[in-house]
């Protein structure tokens, strides 16, 4: 899926990776990521999604291939630039949180950038306010609820002012209220033009949220297209152990029974579904 005219913000070329002497986990990944994109990264457990994320934000070093950030090939000298601008929010917030207070936790990244104290404080204030956790400033993060910890871990990345933000299974272990909170935050980030990649097993979320879906299977990318086109490909779904989103199935069944028009596109959310019916009633 590459019909863009602008240059990618992040480019992955022939990326290979293996853990120690094990078989390859990533087998020649090629991917161009453009500014402002909302990308859902799909695939079964063990497909290579998390390993891919840890490579493109500089935690792991590939055995072959290269990563380019804004046209510059990343090497040892520019690795910190990649880590600064490609932030990752881990599935388990406890794996990310290390400090004794929320304030200290959110300050950790900016302080490592050796920013002036005033700038660090300003970034902390902004990130806490953004995530609506200013009241937690002096609290110990490990005593917060799961949803509150997730807010703190996202504030970590916001304080770094990363241009690309990766979320590894962000809704895992969240109750419906906190999952809705997270989706609201993601919507806010999208409106601000942030570039986001999210791995998820929640196909309903991926279908309504993403404008692009990248499917991993056995360490390779097997599909890269719009979510609608991905979920229309039964062979891809079978290979990646994916199912159809509920809204996709509902609309397809109605379309097959001539209850709705065949219009080439499907509503991706309940809101879009309702708007479609309201429009049909007006035109009736």
Protein backbone atom coordinates (compact mmCIF):
# COMPACT_ATOMS: atom_id res chain seq x y z
CA UNK A 1 0.00 0.00 0.00
CA UNK A 2 2.22 2.82 -1.26
CA UNK A 3 0.70 5.40 -3.54
CA UNK A 4 2.04 8.35 -1.56
CA UNK A 5 3.97 11.23 -3.07
CA UNK A 6 5.48 12.54 0.18
CA UNK A 7 8.46 10.95 1.90
CA UNK A 8 7.81 8.50 4.74
CA UNK A 9 8.57 9.60 8.29
CA UNK A 10 9.84 6.09 9.05
CA UNK A 11 11.09 3.55 6.55
CA UNK A 12 11.97 -0.09 7.19
CA UNK A 13 14.03 -1.90 4.57
CA UNK A 14 14.63 -5.67 4.45
CA UNK A 15 14.61 -5.99 8.25
CA UNK A 16 15.72 -9.34 9.70
CA UNK A 17 15.98 -10.28 13.36
CA UNK A 18 16.65 -13.38 15.43
CA UNK A 19 16.95 -13.93 19.18
CA UNK A 20 20.36 -15.54 19.88
CA UNK A 21 20.62 -18.76 17.86
CA UNK A 22 16.89 -19.20 17.37
CA UNK A 23 15.17 -19.14 14.00
CA UNK A 24 14.44 -15.75 12.46
CA UNK A 25 11.62 -13.82 14.13
CA UNK A 26 11.52 -11.16 11.39
CA UNK A 27 12.14 -12.22 7.80
CA UNK A 28 12.74 -9.29 5.49
CA UNK A 29 10.25 -6.65 6.65
CA UNK A 30 9.68 -3.69 4.33
CA UNK A 31 7.35 -0.91 5.44
CA UNK A 32 6.93 2.82 4.80
CA UNK A 33 5.15 4.79 7.53
CA UNK A 34 3.80 8.25 6.75
CA UNK A 35 3.18 11.20 8.99
CA UNK A 36 -0.26 11.25 10.61
CA UNK A 37 -1.14 7.64 9.76
CA UNK A 38 -3.20 5.43 12.05
CA UNK A 39 -1.93 1.91 11.48
CA UNK A 40 -3.33 -1.23 13.05
CA UNK A 41 -0.76 -4.02 13.21
CA UNK A 42 -2.57 -7.37 13.20
CA UNK A 43 -1.56 -11.00 13.55
CA UNK A 44 -1.55 -13.90 15.95
CA UNK A 45 0.74 -14.27 18.96
CA UNK A 46 4.27 -15.02 17.82
CA UNK A 47 3.78 -13.43 14.41
CA UNK A 48 6.56 -10.88 15.07
CA UNK A 49 4.61 -7.73 15.89
CA UNK A 50 6.25 -6.89 19.24
CA UNK A 51 9.73 -7.74 17.94
CA UNK A 52 9.12 -5.44 15.00
CA UNK A 53 8.10 -2.62 17.35
CA UNK A 54 11.22 -3.06 19.50
CA UNK A 55 13.37 -2.86 16.38
CA UNK A 56 11.84 0.31 14.98
CA UNK A 57 12.23 2.20 18.24
CA UNK A 58 15.81 1.10 18.77
CA UNK A 59 15.47 -1.29 21.72
CA UNK A 60 16.55 -4.25 19.57
CA UNK A 61 19.17 -4.24 16.82
CA UNK A 62 18.38 -6.03 13.58
CA UNK A 63 20.77 -8.62 12.14
CA UNK A 64 20.17 -7.29 8.63
CA UNK A 65 18.40 -4.38 6.96
CA UNK A 66 18.04 -0.74 7.85
CA UNK A 67 15.68 1.77 9.42
CA UNK A 68 15.44 5.34 8.13
CA UNK A 69 13.92 8.18 10.13
CA UNK A 70 13.02 11.24 8.07
CA UNK A 71 15.33 10.06 5.29
CA UNK A 72 18.32 9.41 7.55
CA UNK A 73 19.60 5.85 7.96
CA UNK A 74 19.88 5.03 11.64
CA UNK A 75 23.33 4.00 12.90
CA UNK A 76 24.95 3.93 16.34
CA UNK A 77 25.41 7.70 16.33
CA UNK A 78 21.77 8.44 15.48
CA UNK A 79 20.17 5.66 17.56
CA UNK A 80 19.19 8.07 20.35
CA UNK A 81 17.40 10.23 17.78
CA UNK A 82 15.28 7.23 16.82
CA UNK A 83 14.53 6.36 20.46
CA UNK A 84 13.57 9.95 21.15
CA UNK A 85 11.16 10.23 18.23
CA UNK A 86 9.65 6.73 18.18
CA UNK A 87 8.06 6.09 21.57
CA UNK A 88 6.47 2.86 22.70
CA UNK A 89 3.69 2.21 25.22
CA UNK A 90 4.03 -1.38 26.40
CA UNK A 91 1.14 -3.79 26.90
CA UNK A 92 1.90 -4.13 30.61
CA UNK A 93 2.37 -0.69 32.15
CA UNK A 94 4.31 -2.25 35.05
CA UNK A 95 7.06 -3.15 32.58
CA UNK A 96 7.42 0.53 31.67
CA UNK A 97 6.97 2.32 34.99
CA UNK A 98 10.17 2.54 37.06
CA UNK A 99 9.95 5.64 39.29
CA UNK A 100 8.56 6.11 42.79
CA UNK A 101 6.15 8.93 41.90
CA UNK A 102 4.14 9.79 38.80
CA UNK A 103 6.01 13.08 38.48
CA UNK A 104 9.40 11.35 38.58
CA UNK A 105 8.20 8.74 36.10
CA UNK A 106 7.05 11.28 33.51
CA UNK A 107 10.20 13.37 34.00
CA UNK A 108 12.56 10.46 33.34
CA UNK A 109 12.60 10.72 29.53
CA UNK A 110 12.93 14.52 29.25
CA UNK A 111 15.70 14.52 31.87
CA UNK A 112 17.62 11.94 29.84
CA UNK A 113 17.40 14.33 26.90
CA UNK A 114 19.36 16.77 29.11
CA UNK A 115 16.76 19.48 28.68
CA UNK A 116 16.77 22.60 30.88
CA UNK A 117 14.90 22.15 34.17
CA UNK A 118 12.21 24.64 33.13
CA UNK A 119 11.57 22.69 29.94
CA UNK A 120 11.35 19.40 31.85
CA UNK A 121 8.80 20.87 34.28
CA UNK A 122 6.77 22.32 31.40
CA UNK A 123 6.68 18.94 29.65
CA UNK A 124 5.62 17.16 32.84
CA UNK A 125 2.79 19.65 33.39
CA UNK A 126 1.64 19.32 29.79
CA UNK A 127 1.73 15.50 29.73
CA UNK A 128 -0.09 15.13 33.06
CA UNK A 129 -2.78 17.60 31.99
CA UNK A 130 -3.12 15.90 28.60
CA UNK A 131 -3.82 12.56 30.27
CA UNK A 132 -5.96 14.16 33.02
CA UNK A 133 -3.72 12.85 35.81
CA UNK A 134 -2.34 16.08 37.28
CA UNK A 135 -3.83 15.12 40.66
CA UNK A 136 -1.68 11.95 40.64
CA UNK A 137 1.57 13.91 40.46
CA UNK A 138 2.94 12.89 43.88
CA UNK A 139 1.36 9.44 44.01
CA UNK A 140 3.24 6.16 43.69
CA UNK A 141 2.36 4.76 40.24
CA UNK A 142 2.50 1.12 41.34
CA UNK A 143 -0.51 1.70 43.61
CA UNK A 144 -2.65 3.09 40.79
CA UNK A 145 -5.32 1.07 38.99
CA UNK A 146 -4.61 -0.58 35.65
CA UNK A 147 -6.30 2.20 33.70
CA UNK A 148 -4.47 4.90 35.68
CA UNK A 149 -1.12 3.19 35.07
CA UNK A 150 -1.90 3.14 31.36
CA UNK A 151 -2.48 6.90 31.49
CA UNK A 152 0.89 7.35 33.18
CA UNK A 153 2.69 5.21 30.59
CA UNK A 154 1.15 7.27 27.77
CA UNK A 155 2.12 10.49 29.59
CA UNK A 156 5.71 9.18 29.56
CA UNK A 157 5.71 9.22 25.76
CA UNK A 158 3.84 12.53 25.46
CA UNK A 159 6.50 14.19 27.63
CA UNK A 160 9.15 12.94 25.21
CA UNK A 161 7.23 14.63 22.37
CA UNK A 162 7.78 11.57 20.18
CA UNK A 163 6.64 12.00 16.59
CA UNK A 164 5.72 8.33 16.17
CA UNK A 165 3.92 6.52 18.99
CA UNK A 166 3.66 2.73 19.17
CA UNK A 167 1.05 0.99 21.31
CA UNK A 168 1.57 -2.72 21.96
CA UNK A 169 -1.84 -4.25 22.77
CA UNK A 170 -3.03 -1.07 24.56
CA UNK A 171 -6.51 -2.32 25.49
CA UNK A 172 -5.29 -5.61 27.00
CA UNK A 173 -6.50 -6.01 30.60
CA UNK A 174 -8.47 -2.75 30.48
CA UNK A 175 -12.12 -2.72 31.51
CA UNK A 176 -14.64 -1.21 29.04
CA UNK A 177 -14.57 2.22 30.73
CA UNK A 178 -10.78 2.52 30.53
CA UNK A 179 -10.73 1.07 27.01
CA UNK A 180 -13.16 3.83 25.97
CA UNK A 181 -10.91 6.39 27.71
CA UNK A 182 -7.94 5.11 25.75
CA UNK A 183 -9.80 5.31 22.45
CA UNK A 184 -10.77 8.89 23.27
CA UNK A 185 -7.10 9.75 23.88
CA UNK A 186 -6.12 8.08 20.61
CA UNK A 187 -8.75 10.14 18.81
CA UNK A 188 -7.32 13.32 20.32
CA UNK A 189 -3.81 12.33 19.25
CA UNK A 190 -5.02 11.61 15.74
CA UNK A 191 -6.66 15.04 15.47
CA UNK A 192 -3.28 16.54 16.38
CA UNK A 193 -1.67 14.69 13.47
CA UNK A 194 0.40 12.22 15.49
CA UNK A 195 1.62 9.08 13.74
CA UNK A 196 0.46 5.94 15.53
CA UNK A 197 0.95 2.20 15.19
CA UNK A 198 -1.15 -0.09 17.36
CA UNK A 199 -0.91 -3.85 17.63
CA UNK A 200 -4.19 -5.39 18.71
CA UNK A 201 -6.21 -8.59 18.67
CA UNK A 202 -9.39 -6.51 18.88
CA UNK A 203 -10.52 -6.54 15.25
CA UNK A 204 -13.57 -4.37 16.02
CA UNK A 205 -11.30 -1.63 17.37
CA UNK A 206 -8.85 -1.97 14.46
CA UNK A 207 -11.69 -1.81 11.93
CA UNK A 208 -13.24 1.40 13.29
CA UNK A 209 -10.02 3.18 14.29
CA UNK A 210 -7.31 2.53 11.71
CA UNK A 211 -6.97 3.97 8.23
CA UNK A 212 -4.40 1.30 7.35
CA UNK A 213 -3.87 -2.29 8.48
CA UNK A 214 -0.62 -4.24 8.30
CA UNK A 215 -0.89 -8.01 8.86
CA UNK A 216 1.99 -10.11 10.20
CA UNK A 217 2.30 -13.88 9.94
CA UNK A 218 5.35 -16.00 10.74
CA UNK A 219 7.70 -13.02 10.82
CA UNK A 220 6.55 -11.53 7.53
CA UNK A 221 4.06 -8.91 6.35
CA UNK A 222 1.40 -10.73 4.35
CA UNK A 223 -1.00 -7.83 3.76
CA UNK A 224 -0.94 -4.02 3.86
CA UNK A 225 -4.15 -2.22 2.90
CA UNK A 226 -7.22 -0.46 4.27
CA UNK A 227 -8.97 -2.38 7.07
CA UNK A 228 -12.00 -2.94 4.83
CA UNK A 229 -9.92 -4.51 2.07
CA UNK A 230 -8.00 -6.64 4.56
CA UNK A 231 -11.17 -8.07 6.10
CA UNK A 232 -12.52 -8.90 2.65
CA UNK A 233 -9.62 -11.29 2.02
CA UNK A 234 -10.55 -14.65 3.51
CA UNK A 235 -7.17 -16.22 2.74
CA UNK A 236 -5.35 -13.48 4.66
CA UNK A 237 -7.70 -13.80 7.63
CA UNK A 238 -7.19 -17.56 7.74
CA UNK A 239 -3.42 -17.32 7.48
CA UNK A 240 -3.23 -14.71 10.27
CA UNK A 241 -5.93 -16.32 12.46
CA UNK A 242 -8.14 -13.23 12.27
CA UNK A 243 -11.92 -12.99 12.31
CA UNK A 244 -14.28 -10.45 10.77
CA UNK A 245 -15.27 -7.40 12.81
CA UNK A 246 -18.87 -7.50 14.00
CA UNK A 247 -19.89 -4.39 12.03
CA UNK A 248 -18.39 -5.90 8.88
CA UNK A 249 -20.41 -9.11 9.25
CA UNK A 250 -23.65 -7.29 10.12
CA UNK A 251 -23.48 -5.02 7.10
CA UNK A 252 -22.43 -7.81 4.74
CA UNK A 253 -25.39 -9.96 5.82
CA UNK A 254 -27.76 -7.03 5.30
CA UNK A 255 -26.19 -6.30 1.91
CA UNK A 256 -26.56 -9.93 0.81
CA UNK A 257 -30.25 -9.77 1.73
CA UNK A 258 -30.77 -6.45 -0.12
CA UNK A 259 -31.60 -4.62 3.11
CA UNK A 260 -28.93 -1.99 2.45
CA UNK A 261 -27.39 -0.70 -0.78
CA UNK A 262 -24.19 -2.19 -2.21
CA UNK A 263 -22.06 0.94 -2.07
CA UNK A 264 -18.50 -0.38 -2.15
CA UNK A 265 -17.78 0.68 1.41
CA UNK A 266 -19.06 -0.42 4.80
CA UNK A 267 -19.79 1.56 7.97
CA UNK A 268 -17.02 0.91 10.48
CA UNK A 269 -18.72 1.94 13.70
CA UNK A 270 -22.19 2.14 15.27
CA UNK A 271 -22.13 5.90 14.70
CA UNK A 272 -21.43 5.48 10.97
CA UNK A 273 -24.08 2.77 10.79
CA UNK A 274 -26.68 5.09 12.34
CA UNK A 275 -25.70 7.99 10.07
CA UNK A 276 -26.08 5.75 7.02
CA UNK A 277 -29.63 4.77 8.02
CA UNK A 278 -30.56 8.39 8.78
CA UNK A 279 -29.36 9.35 5.32
CA UNK A 280 -31.34 6.49 3.75
CA UNK A 281 -34.51 7.65 5.56
CA UNK A 282 -34.06 11.21 4.32
CA UNK A 283 -33.61 10.03 0.73
CA UNK A 284 -36.54 7.59 0.90
